[in-house]
Each structure stands twice: as structure tokens, then as C-alpha cells.
Protein backbone atom coordinates (compact mmCIF):
# COMPACT_ATOMS: atom_id res chain seq x y z
CA MET A 1 10.48 -31.72 -34.24
CA ARG A 2 7.27 -30.57 -35.00
CA ARG A 3 6.77 -29.14 -31.23
CA ALA A 4 10.54 -27.51 -31.67
CA ARG A 5 9.17 -25.92 -34.67
CA MET A 6 6.19 -24.37 -33.12
CA ASN A 7 8.00 -22.93 -30.43
CA LYS A 8 10.02 -21.08 -32.64
CA LEU A 9 7.19 -20.00 -34.90
CA TYR A 10 5.29 -18.52 -31.94
CA ALA A 11 8.36 -17.68 -29.72
CA GLY A 12 7.04 -13.80 -30.38
CA PHE A 13 3.76 -14.24 -29.37
CA GLY A 14 2.01 -13.84 -25.94
CA SER A 15 2.65 -12.02 -22.93
CA GLU A 16 4.86 -11.91 -19.88
CA VAL A 17 3.59 -12.46 -16.51
CA SER A 18 4.58 -10.19 -14.01
CA SER A 19 4.52 -10.50 -10.34
CA ALA A 20 3.32 -7.68 -9.01
CA TYR A 21 0.94 -4.98 -10.66
CA SER A 22 1.77 -1.38 -10.82
CA PRO A 23 -1.03 0.01 -13.32
CA ARG A 24 -2.19 3.63 -12.66
CA GLN A 25 -5.40 4.48 -10.82
CA GLN A 26 -6.98 5.49 -13.95
CA ASP A 27 -6.11 2.17 -15.26
CA VAL A 28 -7.83 0.23 -12.99
CA THR A 29 -11.42 -1.09 -13.49
CA ILE A 30 -14.05 -3.02 -12.13
CA PRO A 31 -13.36 -6.13 -13.99
CA SER A 32 -9.74 -5.64 -13.11
CA LEU A 33 -10.73 -5.64 -9.46
CA LEU A 34 -13.01 -8.37 -9.79
CA ALA A 35 -9.97 -10.65 -11.64
CA ALA A 36 -8.14 -10.27 -8.81
CA GLN A 37 -10.70 -11.30 -6.59
CA ALA A 38 -11.34 -7.96 -4.88
CA HIS A 39 -15.17 -9.01 -4.55
CA MET A 40 -15.02 -11.78 -2.06
CA GLY A 41 -15.08 -11.11 1.45
CA HIS A 42 -15.24 -13.56 4.61
CA SER A 43 -18.06 -16.10 5.80
CA THR A 44 -20.64 -14.38 7.22
CA SER A 45 -19.92 -15.70 10.41
CA LEU A 46 -16.96 -13.84 10.71
CA TRP A 47 -18.96 -10.08 9.25
CA ASN A 48 -17.68 -7.05 11.25
CA PRO A 49 -20.83 -5.12 11.04
CA LEU A 50 -19.26 -2.09 10.49
CA THR A 51 -18.50 -2.70 6.77
CA GLN A 52 -22.18 -2.61 6.05
CA PRO A 53 -21.69 -0.07 3.90
CA PHE A 54 -19.13 -1.91 1.65
CA ILE A 55 -21.33 -4.89 1.20
CA PHE A 56 -22.92 -5.53 -2.01
CA GLY A 57 -24.57 -8.88 -1.11
CA VAL A 58 -24.51 -12.60 0.43
CA ARG A 59 -23.18 -15.38 -2.31
CA GLU A 60 -23.26 -19.21 -0.42
CA GLY A 61 -22.83 -17.77 2.84
CA ILE A 62 -19.50 -15.32 1.47
CA HIS A 63 -19.89 -11.66 1.61
CA ILE A 64 -19.58 -9.57 -1.71
CA PHE A 65 -17.97 -6.10 -1.82
CA ASN A 66 -19.42 -3.68 -4.08
CA LEU A 67 -16.14 -2.73 -6.18
CA ASP A 68 -17.90 0.75 -7.03
CA LEU A 69 -16.93 1.44 -3.62
CA THR A 70 -13.61 -0.22 -3.85
CA LEU A 71 -12.66 1.59 -6.43
CA SER A 72 -13.61 5.09 -5.41
CA HIS A 73 -12.05 4.66 -2.14
CA LEU A 74 -8.64 3.09 -4.08
CA ARG A 75 -8.67 6.36 -6.01
CA ARG A 76 -9.29 8.47 -2.85
CA ALA A 77 -6.13 6.94 -1.21
CA ALA A 78 -3.85 6.90 -4.52
CA ALA A 79 -4.88 10.88 -4.47
CA VAL A 80 -3.89 10.49 -0.61
CA VAL A 81 -0.52 8.82 -1.28
CA ARG A 82 0.26 10.83 -4.61
CA GLY A 83 -0.04 14.22 -2.31
CA VAL A 84 1.88 13.12 0.38
CA ALA A 85 5.17 11.58 -1.79
CA GLN A 86 4.46 15.15 -3.97
CA ALA A 87 5.62 16.78 -0.62
CA ASP A 88 8.67 14.91 -0.13
CA GLY A 89 7.13 12.73 2.54
CA ASN A 90 8.15 9.43 4.24
CA ILE A 91 5.78 6.64 3.17
CA LEU A 92 5.91 3.13 4.89
CA PHE A 93 4.48 -0.02 2.92
CA VAL A 94 3.75 -2.90 5.28
CA GLY A 95 2.53 -6.28 4.49
CA THR A 96 3.56 -9.05 7.17
CA ARG A 97 1.61 -11.88 5.07
CA PRO A 98 3.33 -15.04 3.36
CA GLY A 99 3.51 -14.47 -0.31
CA GLN A 100 3.14 -9.93 0.05
CA LYS A 101 7.07 -9.47 0.80
CA ARG A 102 7.88 -9.17 -3.29
CA SER A 103 4.74 -6.70 -3.79
CA VAL A 104 5.98 -4.55 -0.72
CA ILE A 105 9.27 -4.64 -1.55
CA GLN A 106 8.33 -3.75 -5.31
CA ALA A 107 5.98 -1.18 -4.33
CA ALA A 108 8.61 0.74 -1.97
CA GLU A 109 11.29 0.55 -4.62
CA ARG A 110 8.73 2.21 -7.11
CA ALA A 111 7.33 4.86 -4.49
CA GLN A 112 11.16 5.60 -3.25
CA ALA A 113 9.59 4.57 0.20
CA TYR A 114 10.29 1.90 2.90
CA HIS A 115 8.95 -1.33 3.99
CA ILE A 116 8.12 -3.85 6.37
CA PHE A 117 7.34 -7.27 5.45
CA SER A 118 8.28 -9.14 8.83
CA ARG A 119 6.99 -8.40 12.26
CA TRP A 120 6.92 -5.05 13.96
CA ILE A 121 8.73 -3.97 16.74
CA PRO A 122 6.11 -2.34 18.89
CA GLY A 123 7.08 1.22 20.04
CA THR A 124 8.59 2.30 16.80
CA ILE A 125 6.54 5.10 16.07
CA THR A 126 5.82 5.81 20.08
CA ASN A 127 8.99 5.24 21.63
CA GLY A 128 11.36 5.49 18.73
CA LYS A 129 14.49 6.69 20.65
CA GLN A 130 14.61 3.73 22.38
CA VAL A 131 13.98 1.50 19.52
CA VAL A 132 15.44 2.93 16.95
CA GLY A 133 18.90 3.79 18.92
CA HIS A 134 19.34 0.63 20.42
CA GLY A 135 18.04 -1.58 17.74
CA VAL A 136 19.84 -2.96 14.69
CA VAL A 137 18.18 -0.13 12.12
CA LYS A 138 20.21 2.30 13.83
CA GLY A 139 22.77 2.73 10.99
CA THR A 140 20.20 2.62 8.08
CA VAL A 141 17.91 5.11 9.91
CA THR A 142 21.64 7.54 10.66
CA ARG A 143 22.47 7.32 7.12
CA HIS A 144 18.81 8.28 5.97
CA VAL A 145 19.22 11.60 8.25
CA LYS A 146 22.76 12.39 6.76
CA ASN A 147 21.75 11.51 3.42
CA LYS A 148 18.00 13.22 3.64
CA PHE A 149 18.51 15.97 5.74
CA PRO A 150 22.34 17.47 5.31
CA GLY A 151 23.88 18.45 8.59
CA LYS A 152 21.06 17.35 11.26
CA ASN A 153 22.10 15.98 14.16
CA PRO A 154 21.65 11.67 13.97
CA ASP A 155 20.60 11.67 17.69
CA LEU A 156 17.68 13.08 16.11
CA ALA A 157 16.83 9.98 14.06
CA PRO A 158 13.45 8.90 15.39
CA ASP A 159 11.93 12.17 14.83
CA ALA A 160 13.14 12.34 11.30
CA VAL A 161 11.87 8.74 10.18
CA VAL A 162 8.86 8.59 11.60
CA PRO A 163 6.71 8.10 8.82
CA ASP A 164 4.15 10.70 7.17
CA LEU A 165 1.85 8.21 5.81
CA VAL A 166 1.73 4.46 6.75
CA VAL A 167 0.42 1.82 3.64
CA VAL A 168 -0.78 -1.70 5.13
CA LEU A 169 -2.13 -4.47 3.28
CA ASN A 170 -3.23 -6.87 6.07
CA PRO A 171 -4.51 -4.42 9.24
CA LEU A 172 -5.38 -7.44 10.81
CA GLU A 173 -2.16 -8.60 11.75
CA ASN A 174 -0.52 -5.27 12.53
CA ARG A 175 -3.15 -3.85 14.94
CA VAL A 176 -0.32 -2.41 17.53
CA LEU A 177 1.46 -0.64 14.56
CA LEU A 178 -2.09 0.90 13.59
CA LYS A 179 -2.35 1.82 17.32
CA GLU A 180 0.88 3.41 17.71
CA CYS A 181 0.14 5.28 14.47
CA ALA A 182 -3.45 6.56 15.70
CA LYS A 183 -1.32 7.87 18.80
CA GLY A 184 1.40 9.73 16.64
CA ARG A 185 -1.35 11.05 14.60
CA VAL A 186 0.26 9.32 11.33
CA PRO A 187 -2.85 8.76 8.63
CA THR A 188 -3.08 5.27 7.39
CA VAL A 189 -4.22 3.50 4.35
CA GLY A 190 -5.67 -0.42 4.69
CA ILE A 191 -7.24 -2.73 3.21
CA ILE A 192 -10.44 -3.37 5.01
CA ASP A 193 -11.70 -7.16 4.63
CA SER A 194 -15.80 -8.04 5.55
CA ASP A 195 -14.11 -8.91 9.10
CA CYS A 196 -11.99 -5.80 9.51
CA ASP A 197 -13.10 -2.60 11.47
CA PRO A 198 -13.00 0.20 9.45
CA ARG A 199 -12.13 2.69 12.28
CA TRP A 200 -9.00 1.06 12.61
CA VAL A 201 -7.53 3.19 9.25
CA THR A 202 -7.91 6.74 8.29
CA TYR A 203 -8.10 5.78 4.47
CA SER A 204 -10.05 2.30 4.47
CA ILE A 205 -10.04 0.38 0.89
CA PRO A 206 -13.15 -1.88 1.39
CA ALA A 207 -11.35 -5.29 -0.66
CA ASN A 208 -9.77 -9.21 -0.09
CA ASP A 209 -6.59 -8.97 1.99
CA ASP A 210 -6.37 -12.89 1.78
CA SER A 211 -6.02 -12.71 -2.28
CA LEU A 212 -2.62 -12.18 -3.23
CA ARG A 213 -3.84 -10.97 -6.58
CA CYS A 214 -6.17 -8.21 -4.66
CA THR A 215 -2.67 -7.22 -2.61
CA SER A 216 -0.58 -6.66 -4.90
CA LEU A 217 -2.62 -4.71 -7.13
CA ILE A 218 -3.40 -2.42 -4.60
CA ALA A 219 0.15 -1.89 -3.73
CA GLY A 220 1.00 -1.25 -7.42
CA VAL A 221 -1.80 1.27 -7.93
CA LEU A 222 -0.71 3.25 -4.24
CA SER A 223 3.22 3.18 -5.20
CA ARG A 224 2.60 4.40 -9.23
CA ALA A 225 0.72 7.34 -7.16
CA ALA A 226 3.66 7.74 -4.81
CA ALA A 227 6.08 7.31 -8.05
CA ASP A 228 4.29 9.92 -9.83
CA GLY A 229 3.75 12.65 -7.05
CA ARG A 230 7.58 12.06 -6.67
CA GLN A 231 8.18 13.14 -10.49
CA GLN A 232 6.00 16.31 -10.17
CA MET A 233 7.52 17.50 -6.95
CA ASN A 234 10.04 19.97 -8.76
CA MET A 235 7.57 20.66 -11.12
CA PRO A 236 6.05 24.49 -11.83
CA ASP A 237 2.46 24.71 -9.93
CA TRP A 238 0.47 24.63 -13.28
CA VAL A 239 2.10 21.70 -14.37
CA GLN A 240 1.09 19.72 -11.43
CA GLU A 241 -2.43 21.19 -11.32
CA GLU A 242 -2.79 19.78 -15.28
CA ALA A 243 -1.10 16.39 -14.07
CA GLN A 244 -3.37 16.12 -11.03
CA ILE A 245 -6.87 16.85 -13.14
CA ALA A 246 -5.16 14.39 -15.78
CA ALA A 247 -5.19 11.67 -13.04
């Protein structure tokens, strides 16, 4: 009886636990990054020396990221994503590790973008006409071209759906994708852990790519930036400038 009474009394208190983060970039702070375990790198034995500028120090054999740099790089990446979305560009969110599926899908839906949570099909960018033309996604691509580009020949779909920006939550497992993006001159944003090479991506975000809370936080920030960019697409120039200053 007492438990039922207490549940009824305090039913309206507390907070809801969300499965994905969606804050704006100005809402992200160093304490929030710390709570998401963004500061934790890998063991020093797995260290890639090219991440030295991002390292704050070592604790118990684990590299610790400088969260000031993580925050600044995250804000820079958010500005890039917002600009691409504002120009009506195609954005692709990629996260292929177990547990990243939900945050990747929600980020893509929020940003009106595309997503991949399974294995990347080699040649999708560099040899898209053969891969897409004979693949199971041909119908989806054709519908996208007809809806977004009225009057465009669906046979040209591979040229129309090449992403303008790719956001990768786990670059280590998507080296083929990143190489294709580099060859196709597609800019990339990626979470770079202490065992990764920052040169793999165009815009690096030094952080812990093994923490689902961290990857969800970053995906939420970038997707919210894209959503803001979509909203500013049809605004007058002076309104867009004020919105960018406020961000």
C-alpha cells in the first residue's frame, strides 16, 4: 500500500530517459562531454601518434582527450553540416557498430538525410551506376530522383544521390567508405579516437568512438545543426545571417 501511494504521489516527478541526444551545439559543454565519456581514448599501446595534438595526458595507461579541442572541433563540424543542409545538400550518416543503429536512424530523420547502419557496399560512390543500377536500392534511388528532381532521367540516379557530406561515427571500420569519399572528393566528418588517423576524414572530432553515449551526443548535435540549416533554406539572407550569429 505504501509503495502504491508513493508511486501515485511522485508519478509526475523526475525526467524521461531519452535513447538519443539532440542538443544544439551551443548547449554542449565540457561537463556534458565528460559525462558522455568523450574524454577517454584507448590504451597507450594502441596509440596513433598523429592524434598527439588532441591528447591532454595519460591516466592509468589510457590516453585522455583535451575536451576543449573536442568541443571546438564539434562546433566546427556542426557549422559545416548546417551549411551543407542550408544549401539543400545530401547528407549521409554512417554508424555500423552494434548499438549505433537507433541514433543513426534518428539523426538521419531529424536532418532529413540518409543513413547506413550495416556494411558499406564497396563502389557505391566510385562505381555507383553499376552498384545502384543493379542493386536492391534502385527503386528507392529512382523515387528520390523523381521527387527531388522532377523531370530528371532516373538512369542518372547515381549522379544525383552522391552525398555532399558524409558523417561517420566509427571511421576505423569504414576505411573503404572514407577512401571512396576521398577519391570522389566528398567531404567527411568523423569521430577520431586515439587509435585512428585524423587524415582519414576532412573534419575530425577527437573523441571516444566506443562510447554509445558519446557517439549519440555527437550525432544529435550534428543532426540538429542540419535541421536548423534546413529551416533556414528559404529564409531571407538577413534572417540567415542573424540565425548564424545566434548559433
